[in-house]
Protein backbone atom coordinates (compact mmCIF):
# COMPACT_ATOMS: atom_id res chain seq x y z
CA MET A 1 115.06 167.36 138.48
CA ALA A 2 118.68 168.59 139.08
CA TYR A 3 120.97 170.89 136.84
CA PHE A 4 124.09 171.86 136.89
CA LYS A 5 125.84 174.98 135.02
CA TYR A 6 128.41 174.40 132.38
CA LYS A 7 129.78 177.84 131.20
CA GLY A 8 126.94 179.21 132.10
CA ILE A 9 124.46 176.99 130.63
CA PRO A 10 122.45 174.30 132.15
CA PHE A 11 122.42 170.96 131.87
CA SER A 12 120.18 167.99 133.57
CA THR A 13 122.35 165.97 135.66
CA GLU A 14 120.70 162.62 134.35
CA PHE A 15 121.98 162.71 131.00
CA PHE A 16 124.86 164.77 131.39
CA SER A 17 128.21 165.31 132.88
CA GLU A 18 131.10 168.21 133.00
CA GLU A 19 133.31 165.55 132.50
CA THR A 20 132.13 164.92 128.90
CA LEU A 21 130.90 168.52 128.08
CA SER A 22 134.45 169.45 128.46
CA TYR A 23 136.14 166.83 126.72
CA VAL A 24 133.73 167.42 123.85
CA GLU A 25 134.57 171.16 124.04
CA ASN A 26 138.69 171.14 124.50
CA ASP A 27 139.58 167.55 123.08
CA PHE A 28 136.98 165.96 120.61
CA GLN A 29 138.55 165.86 117.04
CA LEU A 30 136.22 166.44 114.61
CA LEU A 31 137.48 164.99 111.18
CA ASP A 32 137.76 167.16 107.73
CA ASP A 33 135.08 164.62 106.52
CA ASP A 34 132.54 164.60 109.46
CA ILE A 35 129.06 165.79 108.44
CA VAL A 36 127.59 167.59 112.25
CA ASN A 37 124.00 167.96 112.54
CA VAL A 38 123.28 170.71 114.75
CA THR A 39 120.19 171.93 116.53
CA TYR A 40 118.29 173.29 119.40
CA PRO A 41 116.37 170.56 121.21
CA LYS A 42 113.09 169.88 119.31
CA SER A 43 113.89 171.75 116.12
CA GLY A 44 114.08 168.72 113.36
CA THR A 45 117.22 166.98 114.68
CA HIS A 46 115.49 163.13 114.06
CA TRP A 47 114.55 164.36 110.64
CA MET A 48 117.78 165.90 109.45
CA ALA A 49 119.58 162.78 110.64
CA GLU A 50 117.66 160.59 108.50
CA ILE A 51 118.22 162.96 105.58
CA LEU A 52 121.88 162.76 105.70
CA GLY A 53 121.83 159.42 106.57
CA LEU A 54 119.82 158.50 103.39
CA ILE A 55 122.07 160.95 101.48
CA LEU A 56 125.35 159.19 101.83
CA SER A 57 123.64 155.92 101.50
CA HIS A 58 122.48 157.11 97.84
CA GLY A 59 118.75 156.98 98.87
CA ASP A 60 119.24 153.34 99.96
CA PRO A 61 117.18 153.10 103.05
CA SER A 62 118.65 149.71 104.25
CA TRP A 63 120.81 151.68 106.96
CA VAL A 64 118.44 153.92 108.33
CA GLN A 65 115.71 150.68 108.39
CA SER A 66 118.54 148.43 110.12
CA THR A 67 120.51 150.55 112.46
CA PRO A 68 119.34 152.43 115.22
CA LEU A 69 119.70 156.51 114.68
CA TRP A 70 121.76 157.16 117.80
CA GLU A 71 124.47 154.70 116.45
CA ARG A 72 123.98 156.08 112.96
CA ALA A 73 124.65 159.80 114.50
CA PRO A 74 125.14 159.80 118.25
CA TRP A 75 125.03 162.91 120.27
CA ILE A 76 128.43 163.73 121.28
CA GLU A 77 127.38 165.44 124.56
CA LEU A 78 125.97 162.34 125.93
CA GLY A 79 128.60 159.92 127.35
CA ASP A 80 127.73 156.52 126.01
CA HIS A 81 127.05 158.13 122.50
CA LEU A 82 130.24 159.94 122.69
CA GLN A 83 131.66 156.36 122.66
CA VAL A 84 130.11 155.39 119.87
CA ALA A 85 130.87 158.30 118.10
CA LEU A 86 134.71 157.66 118.35
CA LYS A 87 134.50 153.92 117.22
CA ASN A 88 131.97 155.14 114.03
CA PRO A 89 133.95 154.63 110.73
CA SER A 90 134.34 157.74 108.38
CA PRO A 91 132.30 159.61 107.11
CA ARG A 92 130.72 159.86 110.22
CA ILE A 93 127.12 161.64 111.05
CA LEU A 94 127.24 163.33 114.15
CA ASN A 95 124.14 164.90 116.30
CA THR A 96 124.46 168.11 119.11
CA HIS A 97 122.63 170.63 120.43
CA LEU A 98 125.66 172.42 121.82
CA PRO A 99 125.85 175.95 121.63
CA PHE A 100 128.66 177.08 119.43
CA GLN A 101 130.76 178.28 122.12
CA LEU A 102 130.60 174.73 123.74
CA PHE A 103 131.00 173.09 120.21
CA PRO A 104 134.31 170.85 119.92
CA LYS A 105 137.32 173.88 119.02
CA SER A 106 139.03 171.67 116.59
CA PHE A 107 135.84 172.51 114.34
CA LEU A 108 137.73 176.08 113.53
CA HIS A 109 140.85 174.43 111.96
CA SER A 110 138.66 171.46 109.81
CA LYS A 111 136.99 171.24 107.32
CA ALA A 112 133.88 169.19 108.72
CA LYS A 113 130.59 170.03 107.79
CA VAL A 114 127.75 171.42 109.89
CA VAL A 115 124.12 171.07 108.59
CA TYR A 116 122.09 173.77 111.43
CA THR A 117 118.52 173.37 111.38
CA LEU A 118 116.13 176.29 112.78
CA ARG A 119 112.81 175.75 113.89
CA ASN A 120 109.89 178.35 115.05
CA PRO A 121 110.70 178.88 118.75
CA ARG A 122 107.02 178.62 119.44
CA ASP A 123 107.03 175.23 118.24
CA ALA A 124 110.18 173.86 119.43
CA MET A 125 109.05 175.22 122.93
CA VAL A 126 105.42 173.34 122.35
CA SER A 127 106.96 170.09 121.15
CA SER A 128 109.63 170.31 124.20
CA TYR A 129 106.93 170.50 126.27
CA HIS A 130 104.99 167.32 125.42
CA PHE A 131 108.11 165.32 124.80
CA ILE A 132 109.80 165.95 128.33
CA LYS A 133 106.35 164.31 129.64
CA GLY A 134 107.26 161.18 128.10
CA PHE A 135 111.33 160.91 130.34
CA LYS A 136 111.16 159.38 133.31
CA GLU A 137 113.65 160.93 135.42
CA LEU A 138 112.65 164.37 134.09
CA LYS A 139 109.90 166.29 136.00
CA ASP A 140 107.03 167.40 134.79
CA PRO A 141 107.20 170.48 132.84
CA GLY A 142 104.39 171.97 134.87
CA THR A 143 101.55 174.27 133.27
CA VAL A 144 102.00 175.37 129.47
CA GLU A 145 102.86 179.05 131.16
CA GLU A 146 105.61 178.01 133.84
CA PHE A 147 107.18 175.69 130.96
CA MET A 148 107.24 179.10 128.63
CA GLU A 149 108.82 181.18 130.98
CA ARG A 150 111.38 178.79 131.87
CA PHE A 151 112.10 178.47 128.14
CA LEU A 152 111.96 182.23 127.47
CA SER A 153 114.69 182.69 130.24
CA GLY A 154 116.71 179.81 128.90
CA GLU A 155 116.49 178.33 132.47
CA ILE A 156 116.45 174.33 130.31
CA ASP A 157 118.82 171.92 128.96
CA PHE A 158 121.13 173.50 126.50
CA GLY A 159 120.41 177.20 127.56
CA SER A 160 118.33 180.12 125.67
CA TRP A 161 117.13 179.31 122.11
CA PHE A 162 117.79 183.43 121.32
CA ASP A 163 121.43 182.53 122.42
CA HIS A 164 122.07 179.38 120.64
CA VAL A 165 120.71 180.63 117.30
CA LYS A 166 122.42 183.98 117.79
CA GLY A 167 125.57 182.06 118.14
CA TRP A 168 125.72 179.80 115.18
CA VAL A 169 123.96 182.56 112.96
CA GLN A 170 127.64 184.55 114.03
CA MET A 171 129.13 181.69 111.90
CA LYS A 172 126.92 181.71 108.73
CA GLU A 173 129.99 183.62 106.53
CA ARG A 174 132.29 180.11 107.02
CA ALA A 175 131.92 178.32 104.07
CA ASN A 176 131.48 174.78 106.13
CA ILE A 177 128.38 175.64 107.64
CA PHE A 178 124.71 175.29 106.14
CA PHE A 179 121.53 176.85 107.55
CA ILE A 180 117.96 175.41 106.79
CA THR A 181 114.85 175.92 108.73
CA TYR A 182 112.43 173.21 109.74
CA GLU A 183 109.70 175.26 107.62
CA GLU A 184 111.41 174.78 104.63
CA LEU A 185 112.13 170.96 104.98
CA GLN A 186 108.04 170.91 104.90
CA GLN A 187 107.39 173.40 102.33
CA ASP A 188 110.16 171.95 99.93
CA LEU A 189 111.66 168.54 100.64
CA ARG A 190 112.87 167.61 97.62
CA GLY A 191 114.21 171.24 96.99
CA SER A 192 116.11 171.34 100.06
CA VAL A 193 117.40 168.00 100.17
CA GLN A 194 119.03 168.91 96.48
CA LYS A 195 120.63 172.23 98.23
CA ILE A 196 122.04 170.02 101.33
CA CYS A 197 123.73 167.64 98.74
CA HIS A 198 125.17 170.24 96.64
CA PHE A 199 126.53 171.88 100.36
CA LEU A 200 128.00 168.30 101.15
CA GLY A 201 129.40 167.72 97.82
CA LYS A 202 127.15 164.66 97.34
CA GLU A 203 125.78 164.53 93.34
CA LEU A 204 122.57 162.33 93.42
CA ASN A 205 120.50 161.40 90.50
CA SER A 206 116.62 162.07 90.47
CA GLN A 207 115.88 158.54 91.35
CA GLN A 208 118.16 158.44 94.78
CA ILE A 209 117.07 162.02 95.54
CA GLU A 210 113.27 160.97 95.06
CA SER A 211 114.41 157.91 97.60
CA VAL A 212 115.64 160.45 100.21
CA VAL A 213 112.80 162.16 100.05
CA GLU A 214 110.18 159.26 100.42
CA ASN A 215 112.44 157.48 102.99
CA ALA A 216 112.45 160.86 105.01
CA SER A 217 108.84 161.33 104.86
CA PHE A 218 107.35 161.87 108.50
CA GLN A 219 104.95 158.88 107.81
CA LYS A 220 107.78 156.78 106.81
CA MET A 221 110.04 157.69 109.80
CA LYS A 222 107.44 157.47 112.14
CA ASP A 223 106.93 153.65 110.79
CA ASN A 224 110.94 153.11 110.97
CA LYS A 225 111.22 151.65 114.77
CA MET A 226 115.08 152.45 113.98
CA SER A 227 114.06 155.99 113.77
CA SER A 228 111.34 156.79 116.06
CA SER A 229 111.65 156.78 119.87
CA SER A 230 110.47 153.50 120.02
CA THR A 231 114.29 152.11 120.47
CA THR A 232 114.62 154.18 124.06
CA PRO A 233 114.13 152.25 126.76
CA GLU A 234 111.07 151.62 128.67
CA ASN A 235 113.13 152.25 132.02
CA ILE A 236 113.75 155.86 130.49
CA PHE A 237 111.04 156.96 128.55
CA ASP A 238 107.11 156.33 129.07
CA HIS A 239 105.72 155.57 125.28
CA THR A 240 102.30 155.99 126.69
CA LYS A 241 102.93 159.60 127.73
CA ALA A 242 104.96 161.28 124.75
CA THR A 243 105.77 160.12 122.00
CA LEU A 244 109.13 161.69 119.46
CA MET A 245 107.72 161.59 116.17
CA ARG A 246 104.29 163.50 117.65
CA LYS A 247 102.91 165.41 114.92
CA GLY A 248 105.57 166.81 112.63
CA ILE A 249 103.92 169.88 111.89
CA SER A 250 104.31 173.98 112.23
CA GLY A 251 102.28 175.99 113.95
CA ASP A 252 100.66 173.53 116.68
CA TRP A 253 101.53 176.43 118.76
CA LYS A 254 98.66 177.74 118.18
CA ASN A 255 96.74 174.68 119.85
CA LEU A 256 98.37 175.37 123.08
CA LEU A 257 99.34 178.95 123.75
CA THR A 258 96.69 181.65 124.83
CA VAL A 259 96.66 185.18 123.03
CA ALA A 260 98.15 186.76 126.41
CA GLN A 261 101.08 183.93 126.44
CA SER A 262 101.60 184.46 122.50
CA GLU A 263 101.68 188.18 122.88
CA ARG A 264 103.99 187.52 125.69
CA PHE A 265 106.48 185.04 123.49
CA ASP A 266 106.64 187.36 120.60
CA ARG A 267 107.85 190.41 122.94
CA VAL A 268 110.64 188.49 124.18
CA TYR A 269 111.31 187.56 120.78
CA TRP A 270 111.64 190.28 119.36
CA GLU A 271 113.57 191.69 122.00
CA ASN A 272 116.38 189.25 121.78
CA MET A 273 116.44 188.73 117.70
CA CYS A 274 116.11 192.28 116.55
CA GLY A 275 118.60 192.67 114.03
CA VAL A 276 120.29 189.50 113.75
CA ASN A 277 123.04 189.65 111.39
CA ASN A 278 120.38 190.80 108.54
CA MET A 279 118.39 187.17 108.75
CA THR A 280 115.05 186.48 108.70
CA PHE A 281 112.94 183.34 109.41
CA PRO A 282 109.51 181.69 108.23
CA TRP A 283 107.91 182.72 111.07
CA GLU A 284 108.82 186.13 111.68
């Protein structure tokens, strides 16, 4: 599996190009009513995209059940998705895994809203480890130990989790960025949906919020072919080896990492995250 570096961040040649990344960073125009769903990979991207789609539809599930997720919320760093994003009518939902330094520069002068979802990096790593196995063009992630070392050193797509989170957290004073964690969504989906609605300026009644919560549940999304990876073509993804909606839980890393691996992860975590802008996370 070949990688290239764009401004020091690794990207796999199979899915990304320098040309698209440069266009997105320098030329892509964010509109004032855009909603951008930003995550480090495997941190709840699809879940948040589903929630945002349901909120925009005032809880009516017909859009999320009839249109593939990548059409509703295209990833701007993927060339074919970018073309969809450029054609989609306002208000647009856009997905991205880009670190802040590669995010569209137009953001700094727009009212576009960013929802940034974080997840315990141990769970994000374990989820990535399982998910990568499904991609036919990506090489096998190797042993858990090997993959963990690549994850901790940032030698994977989109670079280091630590740098990604720190880059975005530095922007937390901006009124148009909202931070939430995967764990908060799990603990209190209804309360989280209400907070997101408030941030977006979308007033939904209790019945509409109930519908958002119901239709954004793990089981509903797993059953919704437009939201699970079952729409990914067979020539790209082997559905017998992996699934997008695997468990949808927190703490699965405990089933995979040894005590020694967990201790190693903790050491690297605290070396990197010590005193990050006075923010604390549910997994700390």
